[in-house]
PDB file of N, CA and C in Angstrom:
ATOM      1  N   GLN A   1     -16.883  23.867  34.452  1.00  0.00           N
ATOM      2  CA  GLN A   1     -16.774  25.311  34.384  1.00  0.00           C
ATOM      3  C   GLN A   1     -15.452  25.690  33.722  1.00  0.00           C
ATOM      4  N   VAL A   2     -15.528  26.488  32.673  1.00  0.00           N
ATOM      5  CA  VAL A   2     -14.317  26.918  31.977  1.00  0.00           C
ATOM      6  C   VAL A   2     -13.574  27.941  32.832  1.00  0.00           C
ATOM      7  N   GLN A   3     -12.280  27.736  32.928  1.00  0.00           N
ATOM      8  CA  GLN A   3     -11.420  28.712  33.612  1.00  0.00           C
ATOM      9  C   GLN A   3     -10.245  29.053  32.724  1.00  0.00           C
ATOM     10  N   LEU A   4      -9.960  30.331  32.635  1.00  0.00           N
ATOM     11  CA  LEU A   4      -8.780  30.827  31.925  1.00  0.00           C
ATOM     12  C   LEU A   4      -7.983  31.653  32.924  1.00  0.00           C
ATOM     13  N   VAL A   5      -6.742  31.261  33.155  1.00  0.00           N
ATOM     14  CA  VAL A   5      -5.926  31.933  34.165  1.00  0.00           C
ATOM     15  C   VAL A   5      -4.649  32.444  33.511  1.00  0.00           C
ATOM     16  N   GLU A   6      -4.519  33.769  33.445  1.00  0.00           N
ATOM     17  CA  GLU A   6      -3.337  34.393  32.844  1.00  0.00           C
ATOM     18  C   GLU A   6      -2.230  34.561  33.876  1.00  0.00           C
ATOM     19  N   SER A   7      -1.010  34.574  33.397  1.00  0.00           N
ATOM     20  CA  SER A   7       0.157  34.865  34.225  1.00  0.00           C
ATOM     21  C   SER A   7       1.275  35.378  33.332  1.00  0.00           C
ATOM     22  N   GLY A   8       2.310  35.924  33.974  1.00  0.00           N
ATOM     23  CA  GLY A   8       3.488  36.347  33.222  1.00  0.00           C
ATOM     24  C   GLY A   8       3.625  37.839  33.004  1.00  0.00           C
ATOM     25  N   GLY A   9       2.639  38.616  33.426  1.00  0.00           N
ATOM     26  CA  GLY A   9       2.747  40.053  33.268  1.00  0.00           C
ATOM     27  C   GLY A   9       3.777  40.639  34.212  1.00  0.00           C
ATOM     28  N   GLY A  10       4.064  41.927  34.024  1.00  0.00           N
ATOM     29  CA  GLY A  10       5.028  42.589  34.890  1.00  0.00           C
ATOM     30  C   GLY A  10       5.495  43.900  34.315  1.00  0.00           C
ATOM     31  N   LEU A  11       6.563  44.423  34.896  1.00  0.00           N
ATOM     32  CA  LEU A  11       7.169  45.692  34.474  1.00  0.00           C
ATOM     33  C   LEU A  11       8.434  45.382  33.686  1.00  0.00           C
ATOM     34  N   VAL A  12       8.545  45.996  32.509  1.00  0.00           N
ATOM     35  CA  VAL A  12       9.712  45.761  31.661  1.00  0.00           C
ATOM     36  C   VAL A  12      10.084  47.070  30.969  1.00  0.00           C
ATOM     37  N   GLN A  13      11.343  47.234  30.643  1.00  0.00           N
ATOM     38  CA  GLN A  13      11.791  48.424  29.928  1.00  0.00           C
ATOM     39  C   GLN A  13      11.469  48.296  28.441  1.00  0.00           C
ATOM     40  N   ALA A  14      11.330  49.433  27.792  1.00  0.00           N
ATOM     41  CA  ALA A  14      11.112  49.438  26.350  1.00  0.00           C
ATOM     42  C   ALA A  14      12.217  48.656  25.652  1.00  0.00           C
ATOM     43  N   GLY A  15      11.810  47.846  24.681  1.00  0.00           N
ATOM     44  CA  GLY A  15      12.750  46.995  23.973  1.00  0.00           C
ATOM     45  C   GLY A  15      12.874  45.605  24.567  1.00  0.00           C
ATOM     46  N   GLY A  16      12.323  45.424  25.749  1.00  0.00           N
ATOM     47  CA  GLY A  16      12.410  44.130  26.429  1.00  0.00           C
ATOM     48  C   GLY A  16      11.358  43.145  25.971  1.00  0.00           C
ATOM     49  N   SER A  17      11.318  41.996  26.641  1.00  0.00           N
ATOM     50  CA  SER A  17      10.418  40.908  26.274  1.00  0.00           C
ATOM     51  C   SER A  17       9.690  40.365  27.501  1.00  0.00           C
ATOM     52  N   LEU A  18       8.505  39.830  27.251  1.00  0.00           N
ATOM     53  CA  LEU A  18       7.737  39.096  28.253  1.00  0.00           C
ATOM     54  C   LEU A  18       7.012  37.962  27.548  1.00  0.00           C
ATOM     55  N   ARG A  19       6.721  36.903  28.296  1.00  0.00           N
ATOM     56  CA  ARG A  19       5.876  35.830  27.770  1.00  0.00           C
ATOM     57  C   ARG A  19       4.689  35.646  28.710  1.00  0.00           C
ATOM     58  N   LEU A  20       3.510  35.856  28.155  1.00  0.00           N
ATOM     59  CA  LEU A  20       2.290  35.626  28.915  1.00  0.00           C
ATOM     60  C   LEU A  20       1.799  34.198  28.697  1.00  0.00           C
ATOM     61  N   SER A  21       1.191  33.645  29.739  1.00  0.00           N
ATOM     62  CA  SER A  21       0.605  32.305  29.663  1.00  0.00           C
ATOM     63  C   SER A  21      -0.868  32.366  30.033  1.00  0.00           C
ATOM     64  N   CYS A  22      -1.647  31.489  29.428  1.00  0.00           N
ATOM     65  CA  CYS A  22      -3.069  31.358  29.747  1.00  0.00           C
ATOM     66  C   CYS A  22      -3.366  29.875  29.918  1.00  0.00           C
ATOM     67  N   ALA A  23      -3.568  29.468  31.156  1.00  0.00           N
ATOM     68  CA  ALA A  23      -3.889  28.068  31.445  1.00  0.00           C
ATOM     69  C   ALA A  23      -5.401  27.873  31.343  1.00  0.00           C
ATOM     70  N   ALA A  24      -5.812  26.976  30.460  1.00  0.00           N
ATOM     71  CA  ALA A  24      -7.236  26.758  30.199  1.00  0.00           C
ATOM     72  C   ALA A  24      -7.690  25.420  30.780  1.00  0.00           C
ATOM     73  N   SER A  25      -8.875  25.404  31.371  1.00  0.00           N
ATOM     74  CA  SER A  25      -9.406  24.166  31.946  1.00  0.00           C
ATOM     75  C   SER A  25     -10.924  24.173  31.891  1.00  0.00           C
ATOM     76  N   GLY A  26     -11.507  23.020  32.097  1.00  0.00           N
ATOM     77  CA  GLY A  26     -12.959  22.934  32.215  1.00  0.00           C
ATOM     78  C   GLY A  26     -13.658  22.281  31.040  1.00  0.00           C
ATOM     79  N   ARG A  27     -12.989  22.145  29.905  1.00  0.00           N
ATOM     80  CA  ARG A  27     -13.580  21.469  28.759  1.00  0.00           C
ATOM     81  C   ARG A  27     -12.507  21.182  27.722  1.00  0.00           C
ATOM     82  N   THR A  28     -12.891  20.487  26.668  1.00  0.00           N
ATOM     83  CA  THR A  28     -11.994  20.274  25.539  1.00  0.00           C
ATOM     84  C   THR A  28     -12.105  21.469  24.602  1.00  0.00           C
ATOM     85  N   PHE A  29     -10.977  22.014  24.208  1.00  0.00           N
ATOM     86  CA  PHE A  29     -10.980  23.254  23.437  1.00  0.00           C
ATOM     87  C   PHE A  29     -10.752  23.046  21.943  1.00  0.00           C
ATOM     88  N   SER A  30     -10.911  21.827  21.466  1.00  0.00           N
ATOM     89  CA  SER A  30     -10.595  21.532  20.067  1.00  0.00           C
ATOM     90  C   SER A  30     -11.450  22.316  19.082  1.00  0.00           C
ATOM     91  N   SER A  31     -12.618  22.752  19.469  1.00  0.00           N
ATOM     92  CA  SER A  31     -13.494  23.529  18.586  1.00  0.00           C
ATOM     93  C   SER A  31     -13.449  25.024  18.887  1.00  0.00           C
ATOM     94  N   TYR A  32     -12.444  25.453  19.604  1.00  0.00           N
ATOM     95  CA  TYR A  32     -12.353  26.840  20.029  1.00  0.00           C
ATOM     96  C   TYR A  32     -11.213  27.563  19.315  1.00  0.00           C
ATOM     97  N   VAL A  33     -11.352  28.881  19.250  1.00  0.00           N
ATOM     98  CA  VAL A  33     -10.211  29.746  19.004  1.00  0.00           C
ATOM     99  C   VAL A  33      -9.886  30.432  20.326  1.00  0.00           C
ATOM    100  N   MET A  34      -8.600  30.662  20.536  1.00  0.00           N
ATOM    101  CA  MET A  34      -8.119  31.287  21.766  1.00  0.00           C
ATOM    102  C   MET A  34      -7.409  32.585  21.381  1.00  0.00           C
ATOM    103  N   ALA A  35      -7.676  33.632  22.127  1.00  0.00           N
ATOM    104  CA  ALA A  35      -7.154  34.936  21.735  1.00  0.00           C
ATOM    105  C   ALA A  35      -6.586  35.698  22.924  1.00  0.00           C
ATOM    106  N   TRP A  36      -5.802  36.691  22.586  1.00  0.00           N
ATOM    107  CA  TRP A  36      -5.339  37.691  23.548  1.00  0.00           C
ATOM    108  C   TRP A  36      -5.916  39.044  23.134  1.00  0.00           C
ATOM    109  N   PHE A  37      -6.449  39.751  24.105  1.00  0.00           N
ATOM    110  CA  PHE A  37      -6.881  41.136  23.965  1.00  0.00           C
ATOM    111  C   PHE A  37      -6.120  41.950  24.995  1.00  0.00           C
ATOM    112  N   ARG A  38      -6.164  43.257  24.833  1.00  0.00           N
ATOM    113  CA  ARG A  38      -5.570  44.134  25.839  1.00  0.00           C
ATOM    114  C   ARG A  38      -6.434  45.364  26.004  1.00  0.00           C
ATOM    115  N   GLN A  39      -6.323  45.964  27.189  1.00  0.00           N
ATOM    116  CA  GLN A  39      -7.105  47.161  27.481  1.00  0.00           C
ATOM    117  C   GLN A  39      -6.247  48.130  28.277  1.00  0.00           C
ATOM    118  N   ALA A  40      -5.981  49.282  27.675  1.00  0.00           N
ATOM    119  CA  ALA A  40      -5.241  50.356  28.338  1.00  0.00           C
ATOM    120  C   ALA A  40      -6.236  51.233  29.094  1.00  0.00           C
ATOM    121  N   PRO A  41      -5.757  51.985  30.092  1.00  0.00           N
ATOM    122  CA  PRO A  41      -6.652  52.844  30.870  1.00  0.00           C
ATOM    123  C   PRO A  41      -7.419  53.814  29.986  1.00  0.00           C
ATOM    124  N   GLY A  42      -8.731  53.859  30.157  1.00  0.00           N
ATOM    125  CA  GLY A  42      -9.565  54.784  29.414  1.00  0.00           C
ATOM    126  C   GLY A  42      -9.858  54.374  27.983  1.00  0.00           C
ATOM    127  N   LYS A  43      -9.447  53.168  27.589  1.00  0.00           N
ATOM    128  CA  LYS A  43      -9.652  52.706  26.214  1.00  0.00           C
ATOM    129  C   LYS A  43     -10.454  51.408  26.200  1.00  0.00           C
ATOM    130  N   GLY A  44     -10.954  51.074  25.026  1.00  0.00           N
ATOM    131  CA  GLY A  44     -11.690  49.829  24.868  1.00  0.00           C
ATOM    132  C   GLY A  44     -10.768  48.633  24.779  1.00  0.00           C
ATOM    133  N   ARG A  45     -11.367  47.459  24.803  1.00  0.00           N
ATOM    134  CA  ARG A  45     -10.594  46.221  24.720  1.00  0.00           C
ATOM    135  C   ARG A  45     -10.167  46.012  23.262  1.00  0.00           C
ATOM    136  N   GLU A  46      -8.868  45.834  23.064  1.00  0.00           N
ATOM    137  CA  GLU A  46      -8.268  45.774  21.730  1.00  0.00           C
ATOM    138  C   GLU A  46      -7.776  44.366  21.419  1.00  0.00           C
ATOM    139  N   PHE A  47      -8.111  43.884  20.229  1.00  0.00           N
ATOM    140  CA  PHE A  47      -7.636  42.577  19.780  1.00  0.00           C
ATOM    141  C   PHE A  47      -6.129  42.593  19.564  1.00  0.00           C
ATOM    142  N   VAL A  48      -5.457  41.508  19.992  1.00  0.00           N
ATOM    143  CA  VAL A  48      -4.011  41.383  19.819  1.00  0.00           C
ATOM    144  C   VAL A  48      -3.674  40.226  18.875  1.00  0.00           C
ATOM    145  N   ALA A  49      -4.157  39.018  19.196  1.00  0.00           N
ATOM    146  CA  ALA A  49      -3.822  37.846  18.386  1.00  0.00           C
ATOM    147  C   ALA A  49      -4.792  36.718  18.713  1.00  0.00           C
ATOM    148  N   VAL A  50      -4.912  35.773  17.754  1.00  0.00           N
ATOM    149  CA  VAL A  50      -5.815  34.641  17.934  1.00  0.00           C
ATOM    150  C   VAL A  50      -5.181  33.397  17.327  1.00  0.00           C
ATOM    151  N   ILE A  51      -5.498  32.243  17.915  1.00  0.00           N
ATOM    152  CA  ILE A  51      -4.994  30.963  17.420  1.00  0.00           C
ATOM    153  C   ILE A  51      -6.131  29.942  17.451  1.00  0.00           C
ATOM    154  N   ARG A  52      -6.186  29.132  16.394  1.00  0.00           N
ATOM    155  CA  ARG A  52      -7.162  28.052  16.395  1.00  0.00           C
ATOM    156  C   ARG A  52      -6.562  26.876  17.152  1.00  0.00           C
ATOM    157  N   TRP A  53      -7.297  26.384  18.150  1.00  0.00           N
ATOM    158  CA  TRP A  53      -6.756  25.327  18.992  1.00  0.00           C
ATOM    159  C   TRP A  53      -6.409  24.097  18.163  1.00  0.00           C
ATOM    160  N   SER A  54      -7.290  23.724  17.271  1.00  0.00           N
ATOM    161  CA  SER A  54      -7.042  22.575  16.412  1.00  0.00           C
ATOM    162  C   SER A  54      -6.378  23.045  15.134  1.00  0.00           C
ATOM    163  N   GLY A  55      -5.135  22.684  14.942  1.00  0.00           N
ATOM    164  CA  GLY A  55      -4.409  23.071  13.732  1.00  0.00           C
ATOM    165  C   GLY A  55      -3.390  24.167  13.953  1.00  0.00           C
ATOM    166  N   GLY A  56      -3.665  25.090  14.883  1.00  0.00           N
ATOM    167  CA  GLY A  56      -2.672  26.093  15.235  1.00  0.00           C
ATOM    168  C   GLY A  56      -2.579  27.304  14.333  1.00  0.00           C
ATOM    169  N   SER A  57      -3.543  27.498  13.423  1.00  0.00           N
ATOM    170  CA  SER A  57      -3.498  28.703  12.581  1.00  0.00           C
ATOM    171  C   SER A  57      -3.603  29.945  13.453  1.00  0.00           C
ATOM    172  N   THR A  58      -2.899  30.998  13.030  1.00  0.00           N
ATOM    173  CA  THR A  58      -2.851  32.224  13.824  1.00  0.00           C
ATOM    174  C   THR A  58      -3.159  33.453  12.993  1.00  0.00           C
ATOM    175  N   TYR A  59      -3.516  34.514  13.702  1.00  0.00           N
ATOM    176  CA  TYR A  59      -3.729  35.831  13.091  1.00  0.00           C
ATOM    177  C   TYR A  59      -3.371  36.867  14.137  1.00  0.00           C
ATOM    178  N   HIS A  60      -2.551  37.864  13.715  1.00  0.00           N
ATOM    179  CA  HIS A  60      -2.086  38.893  14.636  1.00  0.00           C
ATOM    180  C   HIS A  60      -2.547  40.270  14.167  1.00  0.00           C
ATOM    181  N   ALA A  61      -2.835  41.144  15.115  1.00  0.00           N
ATOM    182  CA  ALA A  61      -3.163  42.519  14.774  1.00  0.00           C
ATOM    183  C   ALA A  61      -1.957  43.201  14.149  1.00  0.00           C
ATOM    184  N   ASP A  62      -2.213  44.143  13.256  1.00  0.00           N
ATOM    185  CA  ASP A  62      -1.118  44.848  12.582  1.00  0.00           C
ATOM    186  C   ASP A  62      -0.200  45.544  13.588  1.00  0.00           C
ATOM    187  N   SER A  63      -0.763  46.017  14.680  1.00  0.00           N
ATOM    188  CA  SER A  63       0.017  46.784  15.655  1.00  0.00           C
ATOM    189  C   SER A  63       1.075  45.940  16.371  1.00  0.00           C
ATOM    190  N   VAL A  64       0.936  44.615  16.330  1.00  0.00           N
ATOM    191  CA  VAL A  64       1.893  43.752  17.030  1.00  0.00           C
ATOM    192  C   VAL A  64       2.588  42.782  16.083  1.00  0.00           C
ATOM    193  N   LYS A  65       2.203  42.772  14.827  1.00  0.00           N
ATOM    194  CA  LYS A  65       2.762  41.818  13.869  1.00  0.00           C
ATOM    195  C   LYS A  65       4.277  42.003  13.779  1.00  0.00           C
ATOM    196  N   GLY A  66       4.994  40.889  13.855  1.00  0.00           N
ATOM    197  CA  GLY A  66       6.455  40.931  13.810  1.00  0.00           C
ATOM    198  C   GLY A  66       7.097  41.107  15.181  1.00  0.00           C
ATOM    199  N   ARG A  67       6.297  41.461  16.184  1.00  0.00           N
ATOM    200  CA  ARG A  67       6.836  41.630  17.544  1.00  0.00           C
ATOM    201  C   ARG A  67       6.250  40.605  18.519  1.00  0.00           C
ATOM    202  N   PHE A  68       4.973  40.300  18.370  1.00  0.00           N
ATOM    203  CA  PHE A  68       4.287  39.362  19.256  1.00  0.00           C
ATOM    204  C   PHE A  68       3.987  38.072  18.495  1.00  0.00           C
ATOM    205  N   THR A  69       3.985  36.953  19.216  1.00  0.00           N
ATOM    206  CA  THR A  69       3.649  35.664  18.619  1.00  0.00           C
ATOM    207  C   THR A  69       2.754  34.874  19.562  1.00  0.00           C
ATOM    208  N   ILE A  70       1.615  34.445  19.056  1.00  0.00           N
ATOM    209  CA  ILE A  70       0.724  33.592  19.834  1.00  0.00           C
ATOM    210  C   ILE A  70       1.015  32.132  19.500  1.00  0.00           C
ATOM    211  N   SER A  71       0.941  31.280  20.517  1.00  0.00           N
ATOM    212  CA  SER A  71       1.152  29.843  20.314  1.00  0.00           C
ATOM    213  C   SER A  71       0.360  29.085  21.368  1.00  0.00           C
ATOM    214  N   ARG A  72       0.303  27.760  21.198  1.00  0.00           N
ATOM    215  CA  ARG A  72      -0.378  26.953  22.221  1.00  0.00           C
ATOM    216  C   ARG A  72       0.340  25.630  22.398  1.00  0.00           C
ATOM    217  N   ASP A  73       0.223  25.085  23.604  1.00  0.00           N
ATOM    218  CA  ASP A  73       0.753  23.780  23.943  1.00  0.00           C
ATOM    219  C   ASP A  73      -0.438  22.909  24.308  1.00  0.00           C
ATOM    220  N   ILE A  74      -0.794  21.991  23.409  1.00  0.00           N
ATOM    221  CA  ILE A  74      -1.992  21.188  23.614  1.00  0.00           C
ATOM    222  C   ILE A  74      -1.860  20.314  24.852  1.00  0.00           C
ATOM    223  N   ALA A  75      -0.686  19.752  25.068  1.00  0.00           N
ATOM    224  CA  ALA A  75      -0.487  18.848  26.205  1.00  0.00           C
ATOM    225  C   ALA A  75      -0.675  19.577  27.532  1.00  0.00           C
ATOM    226  N   LYS A  76      -0.309  20.856  27.555  1.00  0.00           N
ATOM    227  CA  LYS A  76      -0.424  21.630  28.792  1.00  0.00           C
ATOM    228  C   LYS A  76      -1.706  22.454  28.834  1.00  0.00           C
ATOM    229  N   ASN A  77      -2.509  22.393  27.770  1.00  0.00           N
ATOM    230  CA  ASN A  77      -3.739  23.192  27.702  1.00  0.00           C
ATOM    231  C   ASN A  77      -3.468  24.665  27.984  1.00  0.00           C
ATOM    232  N   THR A  78      -2.416  25.167  27.372  1.00  0.00           N
ATOM    233  CA  THR A  78      -1.960  26.525  27.657  1.00  0.00           C
ATOM    234  C   THR A  78      -1.711  27.285  26.358  1.00  0.00           C
ATOM    235  N   VAL A  79      -2.096  28.544  26.375  1.00  0.00           N
ATOM    236  CA  VAL A  79      -1.850  29.463  25.257  1.00  0.00           C
ATOM    237  C   VAL A  79      -0.824  30.489  25.725  1.00  0.00           C
ATOM    238  N   TYR A  80       0.066  30.852  24.820  1.00  0.00           N
ATOM    239  CA  TYR A  80       1.135  31.791  25.153  1.00  0.00           C
ATOM    240  C   TYR A  80       1.067  33.026  24.261  1.00  0.00           C
ATOM    241  N   LEU A  81       1.620  34.114  24.766  1.00  0.00           N
ATOM    242  CA  LEU A  81       1.844  35.303  23.948  1.00  0.00           C
ATOM    243  C   LEU A  81       3.277  35.759  24.219  1.00  0.00           C
ATOM    244  N   GLN A  82       4.148  35.507  23.262  1.00  0.00           N
ATOM    245  CA  GLN A  82       5.529  35.976  23.356  1.00  0.00           C
ATOM    246  C   GLN A  82       5.578  37.402  22.837  1.00  0.00           C
ATOM    247  N   MET A  83       6.031  38.326  23.676  1.00  0.00           N
ATOM    248  CA  MET A  83       6.049  39.736  23.327  1.00  0.00           C
ATOM    249  C   MET A  83       7.493  40.222  23.327  1.00  0.00           C
ATOM    250  N   ASN A  84       7.969  40.617  22.166  1.00  0.00           N
ATOM    251  CA  ASN A  84       9.329  41.139  22.007  1.00  0.00           C
ATOM    252  C   ASN A  84       9.285  42.600  21.575  1.00  0.00           C
ATOM    253  N   SER A  85      10.395  43.284  21.705  1.00  0.00           N
ATOM    254  CA  SER A  85      10.515  44.692  21.287  1.00  0.00           C
ATOM    255  C   SER A  85       9.356  45.515  21.845  1.00  0.00           C
ATOM    256  N   LEU A  86       9.103  45.370  23.124  1.00  0.00           N
ATOM    257  CA  LEU A  86       7.968  46.038  23.745  1.00  0.00           C
ATOM    258  C   LEU A  86       8.129  47.550  23.722  1.00  0.00           C
ATOM    259  N   LYS A  87       6.988  48.231  23.579  1.00  0.00           N
ATOM    260  CA  LYS A  87       6.936  49.687  23.528  1.00  0.00           C
ATOM    261  C   LYS A  87       6.050  50.190  24.668  1.00  0.00           C
ATOM    262  N   PRO A  88       6.240  51.431  25.089  1.00  0.00           N
ATOM    263  CA  PRO A  88       5.372  51.976  26.143  1.00  0.00           C
ATOM    264  C   PRO A  88       3.890  51.885  25.789  1.00  0.00           C
ATOM    265  N   GLU A  89       3.554  52.001  24.510  1.00  0.00           N
ATOM    266  CA  GLU A  89       2.149  51.917  24.108  1.00  0.00           C
ATOM    267  C   GLU A  89       1.575  50.514  24.197  1.00  0.00           C
ATOM    268  N   ASP A  90       2.398  49.529  24.510  1.00  0.00           N
ATOM    269  CA  ASP A  90       1.900  48.175  24.757  1.00  0.00           C
ATOM    270  C   ASP A  90       1.401  48.015  26.191  1.00  0.00           C
ATOM    271  N   THR A  91       1.594  49.032  27.014  1.00  0.00           N
ATOM    272  CA  THR A  91       1.139  48.979  28.399  1.00  0.00           C
ATOM    273  C   THR A  91      -0.368  48.814  28.458  1.00  0.00           C
ATOM    274  N   ALA A  92      -0.831  47.778  29.166  1.00  0.00           N
ATOM    275  CA  ALA A  92      -2.257  47.475  29.239  1.00  0.00           C
ATOM    276  C   ALA A  92      -2.453  46.257  30.146  1.00  0.00           C
ATOM    277  N   VAL A  93      -3.715  45.992  30.458  1.00  0.00           N
ATOM    278  CA  VAL A  93      -4.077  44.704  31.035  1.00  0.00           C
ATOM    279  C   VAL A  93      -4.347  43.755  29.871  1.00  0.00           C
ATOM    280  N   TYR A  94      -3.713  42.604  29.902  1.00  0.00           N
ATOM    281  CA  TYR A  94      -3.846  41.623  28.825  1.00  0.00           C
ATOM    282  C   TYR A  94      -4.772  40.505  29.281  1.00  0.00           C
ATOM    283  N   TYR A  95      -5.754  40.199  28.418  1.00  0.00           N
ATOM    284  CA  TYR A  95      -6.763  39.193  28.726  1.00  0.00           C
ATOM    285  C   TYR A  95      -6.689  38.038  27.739  1.00  0.00           C
ATOM    286  N   CYS A  96      -6.879  36.844  28.256  1.00  0.00           N
ATOM    287  CA  CYS A  96      -7.032  35.646  27.450  1.00  0.00           C
ATOM    288  C   CYS A  96      -8.527  35.390  27.262  1.00  0.00           C
ATOM    289  N   ALA A  97      -8.911  34.899  26.061  1.00  0.00           N
ATOM    290  CA  ALA A  97     -10.323  34.642  25.782  1.00  0.00           C
ATOM    291  C   ALA A  97     -10.474  33.380  24.946  1.00  0.00           C
ATOM    292  N   ALA A  98     -11.614  32.714  25.088  1.00  0.00           N
ATOM    293  CA  ALA A  98     -11.925  31.505  24.324  1.00  0.00           C
ATOM    294  C   ALA A  98     -13.259  31.690  23.619  1.00  0.00           C
ATOM    295  N   GLY A  99     -13.282  31.384  22.310  1.00  0.00           N
ATOM    296  CA  GLY A  99     -14.497  31.516  21.523  1.00  0.00           C
ATOM    297  C   GLY A  99     -14.836  30.208  20.841  1.00  0.00           C
ATOM    298  N   PHE A 100     -16.080  29.755  20.987  1.00  0.00           N
ATOM    299  CA  PHE A 100     -16.473  28.465  20.433  1.00  0.00           C
ATOM    300  C   PHE A 100     -16.747  28.589  18.940  1.00  0.00           C
ATOM    301  N   ASN A 101     -16.031  27.765  18.154  1.00  0.00           N
ATOM    302  CA  ASN A 101     -16.311  27.626  16.726  1.00  0.00           C
ATOM    303  C   ASN A 101     -16.268  28.949  15.968  1.00  0.00           C
ATOM    304  N   ALA A 102     -15.465  29.888  16.451  1.00  0.00           N
ATOM    305  CA  ALA A 102     -15.378  31.194  15.783  1.00  0.00           C
ATOM    306  C   ALA A 102     -14.475  31.097  14.562  1.00  0.00           C
ATOM    307  N   ARG A 103     -14.744  31.941  13.580  1.00  0.00           N
ATOM    308  CA  ARG A 103     -13.878  32.020  12.408  1.00  0.00           C
ATOM    309  C   ARG A 103     -12.636  32.809  12.773  1.00  0.00           C
ATOM    310  N   LEU A 104     -11.472  32.294  12.434  1.00  0.00           N
ATOM    311  CA  LEU A 104     -10.203  32.808  12.944  1.00  0.00           C
ATOM    312  C   LEU A 104     -10.015  34.288  12.638  1.00  0.00           C
ATOM    313  N   VAL A 105      -9.977  34.650  11.369  1.00  0.00           N
ATOM    314  CA  VAL A 105      -9.637  36.020  10.987  1.00  0.00           C
ATOM    315  C   VAL A 105     -10.751  36.983  11.382  1.00  0.00           C
ATOM    316  N   ALA A 106     -11.967  36.492  11.459  1.00  0.00           N
ATOM    317  CA  ALA A 106     -13.094  37.356  11.800  1.00  0.00           C
ATOM    318  C   ALA A 106     -13.258  37.532  13.298  1.00  0.00           C
ATOM    319  N   ALA A 107     -12.568  36.729  14.101  1.00  0.00           N
ATOM    320  CA  ALA A 107     -12.780  36.750  15.548  1.00  0.00           C
ATOM    321  C   ALA A 107     -11.897  37.795  16.212  1.00  0.00           C
ATOM    322  N   THR A 108     -12.181  39.069  15.942  1.00  0.00           N
ATOM    323  CA  THR A 108     -11.326  40.144  16.448  1.00  0.00           C
ATOM    324  C   THR A 108     -12.050  41.098  17.368  1.00  0.00           C
ATOM    325  N   THR A 109     -13.292  40.798  17.729  1.00  0.00           N
ATOM    326  CA  THR A 109     -14.021  41.658  18.660  1.00  0.00           C
ATOM    327  C   THR A 109     -14.372  40.875  19.922  1.00  0.00           C
ATOM    328  N   PRO A 110     -14.510  41.548  21.045  1.00  0.00           N
ATOM    329  CA  PRO A 110     -14.826  40.846  22.294  1.00  0.00           C
ATOM    330  C   PRO A 110     -16.106  40.013  22.205  1.00  0.00           C
ATOM    331  N   ASN A 111     -17.063  40.449  21.389  1.00  0.00           N
ATOM    332  CA  ASN A 111     -18.327  39.716  21.287  1.00  0.00           C
ATOM    333  C   ASN A 111     -18.176  38.328  20.661  1.00  0.00           C
ATOM    334  N   ASP A 112     -17.033  38.067  20.021  1.00  0.00           N
ATOM    335  CA  ASP A 112     -16.783  36.762  19.412  1.00  0.00           C
ATOM    336  C   ASP A 112     -16.383  35.715  20.440  1.00  0.00           C
ATOM    337  N   TYR A 113     -16.206  36.114  21.702  1.00  0.00           N
ATOM    338  CA  TYR A 113     -15.632  35.223  22.705  1.00  0.00           C
ATOM    339  C   TYR A 113     -16.608  34.959  23.842  1.00  0.00           C
ATOM    340  N   ASP A 114     -16.534  33.717  24.340  1.00  0.00           N
ATOM    341  CA  ASP A 114     -17.481  33.257  25.346  1.00  0.00           C
ATOM    342  C   ASP A 114     -16.906  33.271  26.761  1.00  0.00           C
ATOM    343  N   TYR A 115     -15.617  33.120  26.878  1.00  0.00           N
ATOM    344  CA  TYR A 115     -14.979  33.020  28.186  1.00  0.00           C
ATOM    345  C   TYR A 115     -13.760  33.930  28.241  1.00  0.00           C
ATOM    346  N   TRP A 116     -13.533  34.482  29.432  1.00  0.00           N
ATOM    347  CA  TRP A 116     -12.443  35.442  29.630  1.00  0.00           C
ATOM    348  C   TRP A 116     -11.694  35.114  30.917  1.00  0.00           C
ATOM    349  N   GLY A 117     -10.396  35.411  30.902  1.00  0.00           N
ATOM    350  CA  GLY A 117      -9.613  35.356  32.121  1.00  0.00           C
ATOM    351  C   GLY A 117      -9.715  36.660  32.885  1.00  0.00           C
ATOM    352  N   GLN A 118      -8.998  36.725  34.005  1.00  0.00           N
ATOM    353  CA  GLN A 118      -9.090  37.906  34.875  1.00  0.00           C
ATOM    354  C   GLN A 118      -8.125  39.013  34.468  1.00  0.00           C
ATOM    355  N   GLY A 119      -7.181  38.695  33.590  1.00  0.00           N
ATOM    356  CA  GLY A 119      -6.241  39.701  33.096  1.00  0.00           C
ATOM    357  C   GLY A 119      -4.923  39.717  33.862  1.00  0.00           C
ATOM    358  N   THR A 120      -3.886  40.165  33.169  1.00  0.00           N
ATOM    359  CA  THR A 120      -2.572  40.339  33.784  1.00  0.00           C
ATOM    360  C   THR A 120      -1.982  41.654  33.287  1.00  0.00           C
ATOM    361  N   GLN A 121      -1.421  42.433  34.201  1.00  0.00           N
ATOM    362  CA  GLN A 121      -0.922  43.778  33.869  1.00  0.00           C
ATOM    363  C   GLN A 121       0.458  43.691  33.226  1.00  0.00           C
ATOM    364  N   VAL A 122       0.601  44.391  32.116  1.00  0.00           N
ATOM    365  CA  VAL A 122       1.900  44.572  31.467  1.00  0.00           C
ATOM    366  C   VAL A 122       2.191  46.063  31.433  1.00  0.00           C
ATOM    367  N   THR A 123       3.330  46.453  31.987  1.00  0.00           N
ATOM    368  CA  THR A 123       3.733  47.855  32.010  1.00  0.00           C
ATOM    369  C   THR A 123       5.107  47.975  31.369  1.00  0.00           C
ATOM    370  N   VAL A 124       5.201  48.824  30.340  1.00  0.00           N
ATOM    371  CA  VAL A 124       6.448  49.030  29.629  1.00  0.00           C
ATOM    372  C   VAL A 124       6.914  50.456  29.896  1.00  0.00           C
ATOM    373  N   SER A 125       8.083  50.585  30.512  1.00  0.00           N
ATOM    374  CA  SER A 125       8.617  51.902  30.836  1.00  0.00           C
ATOM    375  C   SER A 125       9.530  52.398  29.723  1.00  0.00           C
ATOM    376  N   SER A 126       9.546  53.708  29.546  1.00  0.00           N
ATOM    377  CA  SER A 126      10.369  54.289  28.470  1.00  0.00           C
ATOM    378  C   SER A 126      11.777  54.610  28.959  1.00  0.00           C
TER     379      SER A 126
END
């Protein structure tokens, strides 16, 4: 059974930083892309960033490019989202997702993903 467990969320002031982690288990992820999405109250789930497990290629949404960085540690089976220069509009629940054999740049909608974590709250105060 695939499990994705997020951690690292919290309350931070604008301009601050957080690092989210997603611990993945239950199968080999070499044929997967792993992504972060976020969902603010009253809004749909928004793509943030994606990484190909094998090779490490990445793609970031324009709204976070230059501020957020997705990475993975194969030995720890963990995906990270380093978030710098946080803004109040980054406030949301952040979800980790895994998609089998998805195309990296095209995998920007929730329907591209097969497994989801439970989410971790990030709140940025002004």
